[in-house]
Amino acid sequence: MNEQERRINVGLRALDEAHRLGRLSREDYRARRRALLQGLNDSAGVTARNAITPPASGGGRREDARRQALPSADMAGALFPDRRRRMLQTWLLAVVGLALALLLIYAVVQLGGS
């Protein structure tokens, strides 16, 4: 599997997860999947399968060659924010804000009564 196929697989996993969790509609999922899979087609429109490339003439990796970082498998979280987690954070912030406001009102009433 070459580098391009790895990137496409990571993208497909991210799309699958986003669709499974309800972050993408079926139409968006299909359109994005089609766009990703277009990268596998060669110029004649035929999918290149098991394409074998000859090894580099250098006989291996060079010492100064850097490894290219691949996107993480959890790329879907960055591409498609989770609505449920965002909603939970909003409610939590509202409850904490309300508790602090009630605490402030209680403190003012107690100090005003003394």
C-alpha atoms as a PDB file:
ATOM      1  CA  MET A   1       0.000   0.000   0.000  1.00  0.00           C
ATOM      2  CA  ASN A   2       1.517   3.305  -1.035  1.00  0.00           C
ATOM      3  CA  GLU A   3       1.344   6.644   0.725  1.00  0.00           C
ATOM      4  CA  GLN A   4      -1.598   7.910  -1.320  1.00  0.00           C
ATOM      5  CA  GLU A   5      -3.653   4.813  -0.539  1.00  0.00           C
ATOM      6  CA  ARG A   6      -2.863   5.160   3.171  1.00  0.00           C
ATOM      7  CA  ARG A   7      -4.048   8.776   3.192  1.00  0.00           C
ATOM      8  CA  ILE A   8      -7.222   7.841   1.350  1.00  0.00           C
ATOM      9  CA  ASN A   9      -7.882   4.989   3.818  1.00  0.00           C
ATOM     10  CA  VAL A  10      -7.456   7.364   6.755  1.00  0.00           C
ATOM     11  CA  GLY A  11      -9.864   9.800   5.107  1.00  0.00           C
ATOM     12  CA  LEU A  12     -12.377   7.024   4.434  1.00  0.00           C
ATOM     13  CA  ARG A  13     -12.212   5.910   8.074  1.00  0.00           C
ATOM     14  CA  ALA A  14     -12.819   9.493   9.200  1.00  0.00           C
ATOM     15  CA  LEU A  15     -15.794   9.814   6.845  1.00  0.00           C
ATOM     16  CA  ASP A  16     -17.203   6.482   8.015  1.00  0.00           C
ATOM     17  CA  GLU A  17     -16.964   7.510  11.652  1.00  0.00           C
ATOM     18  CA  ALA A  18     -18.527  10.916  10.979  1.00  0.00           C
ATOM     19  CA  HIS A  19     -21.414   9.323   9.072  1.00  0.00           C
ATOM     20  CA  ARG A  20     -21.902   6.626  11.708  1.00  0.00           C
ATOM     21  CA  LEU A  21     -22.068   9.233  14.484  1.00  0.00           C
ATOM     22  CA  GLY A  22     -24.569  11.342  12.549  1.00  0.00           C
ATOM     23  CA  ARG A  23     -22.254  14.264  11.784  1.00  0.00           C
ATOM     24  CA  LEU A  24     -22.753  13.883   8.029  1.00  0.00           C
ATOM     25  CA  SER A  25     -25.855  13.309   5.968  1.00  0.00           C
ATOM     26  CA  ARG A  26     -25.915  10.395   3.544  1.00  0.00           C
ATOM     27  CA  GLU A  27     -25.563  12.715   0.548  1.00  0.00           C
ATOM     28  CA  ASP A  28     -22.545  14.516   2.039  1.00  0.00           C
ATOM     29  CA  TYR A  29     -20.968  11.191   2.963  1.00  0.00           C
ATOM     30  CA  ARG A  30     -21.381   9.814  -0.554  1.00  0.00           C
ATOM     31  CA  ALA A  31     -20.093  12.985  -2.213  1.00  0.00           C
ATOM     32  CA  ARG A  32     -17.003  13.159   0.001  1.00  0.00           C
ATOM     33  CA  ARG A  33     -16.367   9.430  -0.389  1.00  0.00           C
ATOM     34  CA  ARG A  34     -16.593   9.733  -4.169  1.00  0.00           C
ATOM     35  CA  ALA A  35     -14.148  12.652  -4.106  1.00  0.00           C
ATOM     36  CA  LEU A  36     -11.669  10.656  -2.004  1.00  0.00           C
ATOM     37  CA  LEU A  37     -11.910   7.603  -4.220  1.00  0.00           C
ATOM     38  CA  GLN A  38     -11.295   9.703  -7.322  1.00  0.00           C
ATOM     39  CA  GLY A  39      -7.694   9.943  -6.114  1.00  0.00           C
ATOM     40  CA  LEU A  40      -7.251   6.221  -6.758  1.00  0.00           C
ATOM     41  CA  ASN A  41      -8.182   6.468 -10.418  1.00  0.00           C
ATOM     42  CA  ASP A  42      -5.401   6.786 -12.909  1.00  0.00           C
ATOM     43  CA  SER A  43      -5.588   8.957 -16.026  1.00  0.00           C
ATOM     44  CA  ALA A  44      -7.558   6.325 -17.998  1.00  0.00           C
ATOM     45  CA  GLY A  45     -10.230   6.168 -15.298  1.00  0.00           C
ATOM     46  CA  VAL A  46      -9.303   2.641 -14.251  1.00  0.00           C
ATOM     47  CA  THR A  47      -8.635   1.954 -10.607  1.00  0.00           C
ATOM     48  CA  ALA A  48      -5.004   1.038 -10.063  1.00  0.00           C
ATOM     49  CA  ARG A  49      -4.918  -2.144  -8.003  1.00  0.00           C
ATOM     50  CA  ASN A  50      -1.820  -3.817  -6.669  1.00  0.00           C
ATOM     51  CA  ALA A  51       0.408  -1.378  -8.464  1.00  0.00           C
ATOM     52  CA  ILE A  52       3.963  -2.480  -7.806  1.00  0.00           C
ATOM     53  CA  THR A  53       6.626   0.161  -7.933  1.00  0.00           C
ATOM     54  CA  PRO A  54      10.278  -0.765  -8.190  1.00  0.00           C
ATOM     55  CA  PRO A  55      12.408   0.057  -5.132  1.00  0.00           C
ATOM     56  CA  ALA A  56      14.585   3.141  -5.220  1.00  0.00           C
ATOM     57  CA  SER A  57      17.985   2.585  -6.756  1.00  0.00           C
ATOM     58  CA  GLY A  58      19.645   3.719  -3.511  1.00  0.00           C
ATOM     59  CA  GLY A  59      18.824   0.372  -1.948  1.00  0.00           C
ATOM     60  CA  GLY A  60      16.900   1.629   1.054  1.00  0.00           C
ATOM     61  CA  ARG A  61      16.139   4.714   3.097  1.00  0.00           C
ATOM     62  CA  ARG A  62      18.657   7.462   3.335  1.00  0.00           C
ATOM     63  CA  GLU A  63      19.741   8.498   6.797  1.00  0.00           C
ATOM     64  CA  ASP A  64      18.575  12.084   6.305  1.00  0.00           C
ATOM     65  CA  ALA A  65      15.172  11.109   4.898  1.00  0.00           C
ATOM     66  CA  ARG A  66      12.315  12.309   7.060  1.00  0.00           C
ATOM     67  CA  ARG A  67       9.254  10.251   7.608  1.00  0.00           C
ATOM     68  CA  GLN A  68       6.119  11.978   6.468  1.00  0.00           C
ATOM     69  CA  ALA A  69       3.513  12.261   9.208  1.00  0.00           C
ATOM     70  CA  LEU A  70       0.157  10.697   8.450  1.00  0.00           C
ATOM     71  CA  PRO A  71      -3.071  12.134   9.790  1.00  0.00           C
ATOM     72  CA  SER A  72      -4.197  10.400  12.944  1.00  0.00           C
ATOM     73  CA  ALA A  73      -7.002   7.883  12.904  1.00  0.00           C
ATOM     74  CA  ASP A  74      -9.052  10.282  15.010  1.00  0.00           C
ATOM     75  CA  MET A  75      -9.051  12.839  12.222  1.00  0.00           C
ATOM     76  CA  ALA A  76     -12.835  12.791  12.192  1.00  0.00           C
ATOM     77  CA  GLY A  77     -12.961  14.568  15.541  1.00  0.00           C
ATOM     78  CA  ALA A  78     -11.029  17.486  14.094  1.00  0.00           C
ATOM     79  CA  LEU A  79     -12.974  17.595  10.839  1.00  0.00           C
ATOM     80  CA  PHE A  80     -16.444  17.118  12.244  1.00  0.00           C
ATOM     81  CA  PRO A  81     -16.978  18.409  15.806  1.00  0.00           C
ATOM     82  CA  ASP A  82     -19.177  16.224  17.968  1.00  0.00           C
ATOM     83  CA  ARG A  83     -22.491  17.991  18.562  1.00  0.00           C
ATOM     84  CA  ARG A  84     -23.370  16.029  21.677  1.00  0.00           C
ATOM     85  CA  ARG A  85     -20.121  16.887  23.419  1.00  0.00           C
ATOM     86  CA  ARG A  86     -20.521  20.552  22.470  1.00  0.00           C
ATOM     87  CA  MET A  87     -24.086  20.556  23.834  1.00  0.00           C
ATOM     88  CA  LEU A  88     -22.910  18.944  27.088  1.00  0.00           C
ATOM     89  CA  GLN A  89     -20.210  21.592  27.470  1.00  0.00           C
ATOM     90  CA  THR A  90     -22.776  24.352  26.921  1.00  0.00           C
ATOM     91  CA  TRP A  91     -25.142  22.931  29.548  1.00  0.00           C
ATOM     92  CA  LEU A  92     -22.315  22.411  32.014  1.00  0.00           C
ATOM     93  CA  LEU A  93     -21.197  26.014  31.575  1.00  0.00           C
ATOM     94  CA  ALA A  94     -24.780  27.231  32.077  1.00  0.00           C
ATOM     95  CA  VAL A  95     -25.227  25.207  35.285  1.00  0.00           C
ATOM     96  CA  VAL A  96     -21.910  26.402  36.722  1.00  0.00           C
ATOM     97  CA  GLY A  97     -22.800  30.004  35.815  1.00  0.00           C
ATOM     98  CA  LEU A  98     -26.190  29.687  37.478  1.00  0.00           C
ATOM     99  CA  ALA A  99     -24.626  28.188  40.618  1.00  0.00           C
ATOM    100  CA  LEU A 100     -22.130  31.046  40.840  1.00  0.00           C
ATOM    101  CA  ALA A 101     -24.905  33.619  40.344  1.00  0.00           C
ATOM    102  CA  LEU A 102     -26.983  32.031  43.135  1.00  0.00           C
ATOM    103  CA  LEU A 103     -23.948  31.964  45.403  1.00  0.00           C
ATOM    104  CA  LEU A 104     -23.338  35.666  44.731  1.00  0.00           C
ATOM    105  CA  ILE A 105     -26.983  36.540  45.451  1.00  0.00           C
ATOM    106  CA  TYR A 106     -26.861  34.528  48.699  1.00  0.00           C
ATOM    107  CA  ALA A 107     -23.674  36.336  49.774  1.00  0.00           C
ATOM    108  CA  VAL A 108     -25.184  39.754  49.014  1.00  0.00           C
ATOM    109  CA  VAL A 109     -28.389  38.927  50.959  1.00  0.00           C
ATOM    110  CA  GLN A 110     -26.360  37.643  53.942  1.00  0.00           C
ATOM    111  CA  LEU A 111     -24.109  40.726  54.009  1.00  0.00           C
ATOM    112  CA  GLY A 112     -27.048  43.081  53.535  1.00  0.00           C
ATOM    113  CA  GLY A 113     -28.961  41.507  56.427  1.00  0.00           C
ATOM    114  CA  SER A 114     -26.128  41.859  58.927  1.00  0.00           C
END
